[in-house]
Amino acid sequence: MYTSFATNHSPITDVIDLRSDTVTHPTPAMRRAMAEAEVGDDVYGEDPTVNRLEALAAGMMGKEAAVFVASGTMANVAAMMSHVQRGDEVILGARSHMYLDEQGAIAALGQAQAVPILENPDGTLPLEAVEAAIRDDDPHYPITRLICIENTHNACGGQPLSVEHTQAVGALAKKHGLKLHIDGARFFNAAVALNASPAALAGPADSVSFCLSKGLCSPVGSLVCGDREFIARARRARKVLGGAMRQAGIIAAAGVVALTSMVERLANDHEDAQQLAQGLAKIPGIVLDPAQVRTNMVYFDLAPDAPLNAPELTARLKERNILVGPTGPRRLRAVLHYWISPVQVDQTIEAVSEILKS
């Protein structure tokens, strides 16, 4: 069971940066580990720190093996390339990162075709729509090969997808002889929010990727986990993508710290997000249901009669050293992370209130 831990740190600057959890920088423990990391040539499989990180990640996900890559996008692309062949089809969410934010890599690099399915508001894929999109065995059609889900689902408000939904998608994939990949950029946020083990949440999937460089505070890197045969293919895909690194133990060391000491404290970020959501929801001109905030992301809208639009509110907040991300003309996102304290959350609520009153 996950429990909440006190956050004992101070921000390096006075800026309250809520644009993303990607703005996190390494903790003092990570910096020490990086400075002291034992390294070798990872392309030869000789970096002991990378090997330790990969074994740790695979074990936590309940998979046979893992490969360390440079980014979440590289992780998803390497996984996709390892599952599909030229001319195949990939079923995934219409608002997913893999469909919207990876430069069409499914087509450009995997030479496969994406079939987007509109997600439910909670980020889940409607199973009947997924099944309807699976192709019959017909020489006129592409071969449906892969289903992808995103957990947590960013564009759907950072919603965590349950073990039960993942099992249902996995069962559907297995029924039709398909593979299932989880884009788990913030996978540990989902596990903490659901009070589920990462292995249980990843169990139905043939592969899962997750980022070290978001809420876990590592400066760089992601991992792809799966069975040994799949990871061998993913390692080859990493090479052709330019992601085969040499003495990568220096950055992998921060990842080891992340996985051994930063997971359970993600509950703090979720609590801070709820604090922010409840405070913003009380401000006239803000449209927000705190019950929809389940992890570390707070999406909120400006009412039609609010005096400012999203870019204008963003600019006014920046004048006060508070950074948020506009995601539409009247929609904004704030992401909580290790380097944001509850006091700063209160300061943000107060600033938004004052600006919208002025």
Protein backbone atom coordinates (compact mmCIF):
# COMPACT_ATOMS: atom_id res chain seq x y z
CA MET A 1 0.00 0.00 0.00
CA TYR A 2 1.25 3.45 -0.86
CA THR A 3 1.45 6.06 1.84
CA SER A 4 2.08 9.78 1.78
CA PHE A 5 5.50 11.11 2.68
CA ALA A 6 6.51 14.57 3.77
CA THR A 7 8.38 16.60 1.19
CA ASN A 8 11.64 17.89 2.64
CA HIS A 9 13.06 20.21 0.06
CA SER A 10 13.11 23.80 -1.05
CA PRO A 11 12.81 25.08 -4.61
CA ILE A 12 16.00 26.31 -6.20
CA THR A 13 14.32 29.43 -7.58
CA ASP A 14 11.33 31.57 -6.65
CA VAL A 15 9.55 30.55 -9.85
CA ILE A 16 6.50 28.33 -9.37
CA ASP A 17 6.70 26.25 -12.52
CA LEU A 18 3.47 24.33 -13.10
CA ARG A 19 3.81 23.93 -16.87
CA SER A 20 4.73 20.26 -16.61
CA ASP A 21 6.42 17.70 -14.39
CA THR A 22 9.09 17.54 -17.11
CA VAL A 23 10.60 20.70 -15.58
CA THR A 24 11.78 18.74 -12.54
CA HIS A 25 15.51 18.62 -11.93
CA PRO A 26 17.43 15.90 -10.10
CA THR A 27 17.35 15.68 -6.34
CA PRO A 28 20.55 15.98 -4.28
CA ALA A 29 20.57 12.19 -3.86
CA MET A 30 20.39 11.79 -7.63
CA ARG A 31 23.24 14.21 -8.18
CA ARG A 32 25.41 12.28 -5.75
CA ALA A 33 24.53 8.99 -7.40
CA MET A 34 25.32 10.40 -10.83
CA ALA A 35 28.70 11.73 -9.68
CA GLU A 36 29.64 8.36 -8.20
CA ALA A 37 28.09 6.07 -10.82
CA GLU A 38 30.00 3.03 -11.98
CA VAL A 39 29.92 3.03 -15.78
CA GLY A 40 30.85 0.99 -18.83
CA ASP A 41 29.92 0.80 -22.50
CA ASP A 42 26.19 0.11 -22.58
CA VAL A 43 26.19 -0.83 -26.27
CA TYR A 44 28.38 -3.76 -25.24
CA GLY A 45 26.03 -4.41 -22.32
CA GLU A 46 28.86 -3.51 -19.93
CA ASP A 47 27.42 -0.58 -17.98
CA PRO A 48 26.61 -2.03 -14.55
CA THR A 49 24.41 0.89 -13.53
CA VAL A 50 22.31 0.66 -16.69
CA ASN A 51 22.04 -3.09 -16.19
CA ARG A 52 20.88 -2.55 -12.62
CA LEU A 53 18.29 0.01 -13.72
CA GLU A 54 16.92 -2.25 -16.44
CA ALA A 55 16.67 -5.23 -14.09
CA LEU A 56 14.97 -3.09 -11.47
CA ALA A 57 12.46 -1.72 -13.97
CA ALA A 58 11.66 -5.15 -15.40
CA GLY A 59 11.12 -6.57 -11.93
CA MET A 60 8.79 -3.76 -10.89
CA MET A 61 6.71 -4.26 -14.04
CA GLY A 62 6.65 -8.03 -13.72
CA LYS A 63 8.37 -8.43 -17.09
CA GLU A 64 11.39 -10.46 -18.16
CA ALA A 65 13.57 -7.62 -19.41
CA ALA A 66 13.86 -3.89 -20.05
CA VAL A 67 15.86 -1.46 -22.17
CA PHE A 68 16.89 2.06 -21.16
CA VAL A 69 16.21 4.73 -23.80
CA ALA A 70 16.60 8.47 -24.05
CA SER A 71 12.98 9.62 -23.96
CA GLY A 72 9.34 8.63 -23.71
CA THR A 73 8.82 9.15 -27.41
CA MET A 74 11.78 6.93 -28.22
CA ALA A 75 10.37 4.32 -25.86
CA ASN A 76 7.00 4.29 -27.60
CA VAL A 77 8.50 4.33 -31.09
CA ALA A 78 10.94 1.52 -30.30
CA ALA A 79 8.10 -0.54 -28.83
CA MET A 80 5.83 0.12 -31.78
CA MET A 81 8.57 -0.75 -34.29
CA SER A 82 9.19 -4.00 -32.41
CA HIS A 83 5.54 -5.04 -32.58
CA VAL A 84 4.45 -4.11 -36.12
CA GLN A 85 5.49 -4.78 -39.69
CA ARG A 86 5.17 -2.58 -42.75
CA GLY A 87 1.53 -2.07 -43.68
CA ASP A 88 0.09 -3.15 -40.31
CA GLU A 89 -2.46 -1.18 -38.31
CA VAL A 90 -2.23 0.19 -34.79
CA ILE A 91 -5.39 0.97 -32.79
CA LEU A 92 -4.98 3.75 -30.23
CA GLY A 93 -6.70 6.74 -28.64
CA ALA A 94 -7.52 9.79 -30.74
CA ARG A 95 -6.22 12.03 -27.96
CA SER A 96 -3.22 9.89 -27.09
CA HIS A 97 0.36 11.12 -27.08
CA MET A 98 1.38 8.42 -29.55
CA TYR A 99 -1.20 9.66 -32.05
CA LEU A 100 -0.99 13.42 -31.54
CA ASP A 101 2.48 14.24 -30.29
CA GLU A 102 5.06 11.93 -31.81
CA GLN A 103 5.30 13.36 -35.35
CA GLY A 104 3.36 10.52 -36.92
CA ALA A 105 6.08 8.04 -36.00
CA ILE A 106 3.72 5.11 -36.47
CA ALA A 107 3.67 5.91 -40.18
CA ALA A 108 7.02 7.65 -40.57
CA LEU A 109 9.15 5.07 -38.76
CA GLY A 110 6.96 2.02 -38.26
CA GLN A 111 5.44 2.22 -41.76
CA ALA A 112 2.13 1.26 -40.17
CA GLN A 113 -1.28 2.90 -40.18
CA ALA A 114 -2.86 4.47 -37.09
CA VAL A 115 -6.54 3.88 -36.35
CA PRO A 116 -7.63 6.47 -33.78
CA ILE A 117 -10.53 5.68 -31.45
CA LEU A 118 -12.10 8.51 -29.46
CA GLU A 119 -11.54 7.83 -25.79
CA ASN A 120 -14.15 8.06 -23.06
CA PRO A 121 -13.78 11.15 -20.83
CA ASP A 122 -11.83 9.06 -18.31
CA GLY A 123 -9.22 8.10 -20.91
CA THR A 124 -10.43 4.53 -21.40
CA LEU A 125 -10.98 3.11 -24.86
CA PRO A 126 -14.56 1.98 -25.62
CA LEU A 127 -14.06 -1.74 -26.11
CA GLU A 128 -16.85 -2.11 -28.65
CA ALA A 129 -15.25 0.56 -30.83
CA VAL A 130 -11.85 -1.11 -30.53
CA GLU A 131 -13.26 -4.47 -31.52
CA ALA A 132 -15.15 -2.95 -34.43
CA ALA A 133 -11.88 -1.46 -35.72
CA ILE A 134 -10.06 -4.80 -35.82
CA ARG A 135 -9.72 -5.89 -39.45
CA ASP A 136 -10.98 -9.13 -40.90
CA ASP A 137 -8.50 -11.41 -42.63
CA ASP A 138 -8.84 -9.97 -46.12
CA PRO A 139 -6.04 -9.28 -48.63
CA HIS A 140 -7.53 -5.84 -49.28
CA TYR A 141 -7.00 -4.75 -45.67
CA PRO A 142 -4.02 -3.93 -43.50
CA ILE A 143 -3.37 -6.41 -40.71
CA THR A 144 -4.40 -5.17 -37.27
CA ARG A 145 -1.38 -5.89 -35.11
CA LEU A 146 -1.30 -3.68 -32.02
CA ILE A 147 -3.50 -1.85 -29.50
CA CYS A 148 -2.02 1.01 -27.46
CA ILE A 149 -3.39 2.65 -24.32
CA GLU A 150 -2.02 5.58 -22.33
CA ASN A 151 -1.80 5.48 -18.53
CA THR A 152 -2.13 8.05 -17.04
CA HIS A 153 -3.98 9.70 -19.90
CA ASN A 154 -2.60 13.21 -20.23
CA ALA A 155 -5.14 14.86 -22.53
CA CYS A 156 -8.01 13.36 -20.55
CA GLY A 157 -6.88 15.14 -17.40
CA GLY A 158 -4.20 12.80 -16.14
CA GLN A 159 -6.75 10.06 -15.52
CA PRO A 160 -5.45 6.69 -14.28
CA LEU A 161 -6.71 3.65 -16.17
CA SER A 162 -7.73 0.86 -13.84
CA VAL A 163 -6.35 -2.66 -13.63
CA GLU A 164 -9.78 -3.89 -14.69
CA HIS A 165 -9.86 -1.80 -17.87
CA THR A 166 -6.33 -2.82 -18.74
CA GLN A 167 -7.26 -6.46 -18.24
CA ALA A 168 -10.30 -6.01 -20.48
CA VAL A 169 -8.23 -4.46 -23.27
CA GLY A 170 -5.62 -7.18 -22.83
CA ALA A 171 -8.25 -9.89 -23.06
CA LEU A 172 -9.65 -8.32 -26.22
CA ALA A 173 -6.18 -8.15 -27.76
CA LYS A 174 -5.47 -11.77 -26.88
CA LYS A 175 -8.84 -12.88 -28.28
CA HIS A 176 -7.87 -11.47 -31.68
CA GLY A 177 -4.19 -12.40 -31.56
CA LEU A 178 -3.03 -8.78 -31.11
CA LYS A 179 -0.35 -7.20 -28.97
CA LEU A 180 -0.99 -4.58 -26.27
CA HIS A 181 1.40 -1.72 -25.52
CA ILE A 182 0.98 0.72 -22.63
CA ASP A 183 2.37 4.22 -23.02
CA GLY A 184 2.99 4.66 -19.33
CA ALA A 185 4.83 7.98 -19.31
CA ARG A 186 3.32 8.61 -15.86
CA PHE A 187 2.65 4.96 -15.09
CA PHE A 188 3.69 5.21 -11.45
CA ASN A 189 1.26 8.08 -10.91
CA ALA A 190 -1.47 5.69 -12.03
CA ALA A 191 -0.26 2.92 -9.75
CA VAL A 192 -0.14 5.23 -6.73
CA ALA A 193 -3.54 6.78 -7.47
CA LEU A 194 -5.13 3.34 -7.86
CA ASN A 195 -3.22 1.79 -4.95
CA ALA A 196 -2.20 -0.95 -7.37
CA SER A 197 1.16 -2.57 -7.90
CA PRO A 198 2.90 -1.59 -11.14
CA ALA A 199 3.17 -5.28 -12.03
CA ALA A 200 -0.59 -5.77 -11.68
CA LEU A 201 -1.27 -2.71 -13.79
CA ALA A 202 1.22 -3.77 -16.47
CA GLY A 203 0.34 -7.47 -16.33
CA PRO A 204 -2.03 -7.66 -19.34
CA ALA A 205 0.38 -5.77 -21.61
CA ASP A 206 2.97 -7.25 -23.92
CA SER A 207 5.04 -4.12 -23.44
CA VAL A 208 4.99 -1.04 -21.24
CA SER A 209 7.05 2.13 -21.33
CA PHE A 210 7.49 4.68 -18.57
CA CYS A 211 9.39 7.93 -18.04
CA LEU A 212 11.92 8.64 -15.32
CA SER A 213 12.07 12.33 -16.21
CA LYS A 214 8.62 13.50 -15.09
CA GLY A 215 7.26 13.08 -11.58
CA LEU A 216 10.12 10.76 -10.65
CA CYS A 217 12.56 13.70 -11.04
CA SER A 218 15.29 11.96 -13.00
CA PRO A 219 16.89 14.35 -15.52
CA VAL A 220 16.55 12.10 -18.58
CA GLY A 221 15.44 8.70 -19.72
CA SER A 222 12.65 6.16 -20.10
CA LEU A 223 12.38 2.39 -20.08
CA VAL A 224 10.59 -0.18 -22.20
CA CYS A 225 9.71 -3.47 -20.54
CA GLY A 226 8.54 -6.78 -22.00
CA ASP A 227 9.67 -10.34 -22.60
CA ARG A 228 13.27 -11.05 -23.59
CA GLU A 229 12.56 -11.62 -27.27
CA PHE A 230 10.62 -8.37 -27.54
CA ILE A 231 13.30 -6.38 -25.67
CA ALA A 232 15.97 -7.75 -28.03
CA ARG A 233 13.98 -6.26 -30.91
CA ALA A 234 13.43 -3.02 -29.01
CA ARG A 235 17.17 -2.75 -28.36
CA ARG A 236 17.78 -3.02 -32.11
CA ALA A 237 15.11 -0.35 -32.69
CA ARG A 238 16.83 1.89 -30.14
CA LYS A 239 20.06 1.58 -32.13
CA VAL A 240 18.53 2.64 -35.44
CA LEU A 241 16.77 5.54 -33.68
CA GLY A 242 20.14 6.82 -32.51
CA GLY A 243 19.49 5.98 -28.88
CA ALA A 244 22.32 3.53 -28.17
CA MET A 245 24.31 5.38 -25.50
CA ARG A 246 27.76 4.58 -24.16
CA GLN A 247 28.59 5.35 -20.52
CA ALA A 248 24.92 5.89 -19.79
CA GLY A 249 25.27 4.80 -16.18
CA ILE A 250 25.75 8.45 -15.24
CA ILE A 251 22.11 9.17 -16.09
CA ALA A 252 20.87 5.68 -15.23
CA ALA A 253 22.09 6.24 -11.66
CA ALA A 254 19.47 8.95 -11.22
CA GLY A 255 16.88 6.49 -12.53
CA VAL A 256 17.85 3.94 -9.89
CA VAL A 257 17.30 6.57 -7.20
CA ALA A 258 13.99 7.50 -8.82
CA LEU A 259 12.66 3.94 -8.75
CA THR A 260 13.91 3.18 -5.24
CA SER A 261 12.94 6.40 -3.45
CA MET A 262 10.59 8.60 -5.52
CA VAL A 263 7.59 6.43 -6.32
CA GLU A 264 5.58 6.44 -3.11
CA ARG A 265 5.95 10.18 -2.62
CA LEU A 266 3.96 10.79 -5.83
CA ALA A 267 0.97 10.69 -3.49
CA ASN A 268 2.12 14.12 -2.26
CA ASP A 269 1.81 15.52 -5.78
CA HIS A 270 -1.70 14.10 -6.04
CA GLU A 271 -2.64 15.70 -2.73
CA ASP A 272 -1.19 19.03 -3.87
CA ALA A 273 -3.13 18.76 -7.13
CA GLN A 274 -6.34 18.23 -5.19
CA GLN A 275 -5.49 21.22 -2.99
CA LEU A 276 -4.98 23.36 -6.09
CA ALA A 277 -8.15 22.07 -7.74
CA GLN A 278 -10.31 22.76 -4.71
CA GLY A 279 -8.90 26.23 -4.34
CA LEU A 280 -9.30 27.17 -8.00
CA ALA A 281 -12.84 25.76 -8.12
CA LYS A 282 -13.94 28.37 -5.55
CA ILE A 283 -12.79 31.29 -7.71
CA PRO A 284 -15.51 33.01 -9.78
CA GLY A 285 -14.72 32.58 -13.46
CA ILE A 286 -13.00 29.20 -13.05
CA VAL A 287 -14.75 26.05 -14.28
CA LEU A 288 -13.33 22.98 -12.60
CA ASP A 289 -14.61 19.81 -10.94
CA PRO A 290 -12.04 18.73 -8.33
CA ALA A 291 -13.46 15.19 -8.40
CA GLN A 292 -12.00 14.82 -11.90
CA VAL A 293 -8.48 15.49 -10.58
CA ARG A 294 -7.08 12.09 -9.67
CA THR A 295 -3.33 12.37 -10.17
CA ASN A 296 -0.93 15.31 -10.51
CA MET A 297 -2.65 17.21 -13.34
CA VAL A 298 -5.17 20.00 -12.95
CA TYR A 299 -6.96 21.10 -16.10
CA PHE A 300 -9.30 24.06 -15.69
CA ASP A 301 -11.37 26.33 -17.91
CA LEU A 302 -12.18 30.02 -17.86
CA ALA A 303 -15.91 30.71 -17.94
CA PRO A 304 -17.29 32.71 -20.90
CA ASP A 305 -17.74 35.73 -18.64
CA ALA A 306 -14.23 35.55 -17.17
CA PRO A 307 -12.34 38.80 -17.83
CA LEU A 308 -9.29 37.08 -19.36
CA ASN A 309 -8.63 34.25 -21.79
CA ALA A 310 -6.05 31.52 -21.21
CA PRO A 311 -3.05 33.25 -22.86
CA GLU A 312 -3.83 36.48 -21.00
CA LEU A 313 -4.10 34.75 -17.63
CA THR A 314 -0.88 32.88 -18.39
CA ALA A 315 0.91 36.16 -19.09
CA ARG A 316 -0.42 37.80 -15.92
CA LEU A 317 0.65 34.84 -13.81
CA LYS A 318 4.11 34.89 -15.39
CA GLU A 319 4.50 38.46 -14.14
CA ARG A 320 4.22 36.94 -10.66
CA ASN A 321 6.74 34.17 -11.43
CA ILE A 322 4.01 31.55 -11.76
CA LEU A 323 4.12 29.46 -14.93
CA VAL A 324 1.15 27.46 -16.24
CA GLY A 325 0.38 25.94 -19.62
CA PRO A 326 -2.51 27.15 -21.78
CA THR A 327 -3.96 24.23 -23.73
CA GLY A 328 -6.71 26.12 -25.55
CA PRO A 329 -8.25 29.60 -25.85
CA ARG A 330 -9.87 29.29 -22.40
CA ARG A 331 -8.28 26.13 -21.01
CA LEU A 332 -5.14 25.73 -18.90
CA ARG A 333 -3.13 22.97 -17.28
CA ALA A 334 -1.13 22.94 -14.07
CA VAL A 335 1.04 19.95 -13.18
CA LEU A 336 2.22 19.28 -9.65
CA HIS A 337 5.62 17.75 -8.92
CA TYR A 338 8.41 17.35 -6.39
CA TRP A 339 9.61 20.93 -6.65
CA ILE A 340 6.21 22.47 -5.83
CA SER A 341 5.26 22.86 -2.16
CA PRO A 342 1.79 23.23 -0.60
CA VAL A 343 2.69 26.83 0.26
CA GLN A 344 3.30 27.53 -3.43
CA VAL A 345 -0.02 25.93 -4.26
CA ASP A 346 -1.73 28.43 -1.97
CA GLN A 347 0.25 31.26 -3.55
CA THR A 348 -0.97 30.16 -6.99
CA ILE A 349 -4.59 30.05 -5.89
CA GLU A 350 -4.28 33.51 -4.37
CA ALA A 351 -2.65 34.92 -7.49
CA VAL A 352 -5.32 33.54 -9.82
CA SER A 353 -8.04 34.92 -7.56
CA GLU A 354 -6.48 38.37 -7.42
CA ILE A 355 -5.90 38.55 -11.18
CA LEU A 356 -9.44 37.52 -12.08
CA LYS A 357 -10.85 40.08 -9.62
CA SER A 358 -8.78 42.93 -11.00
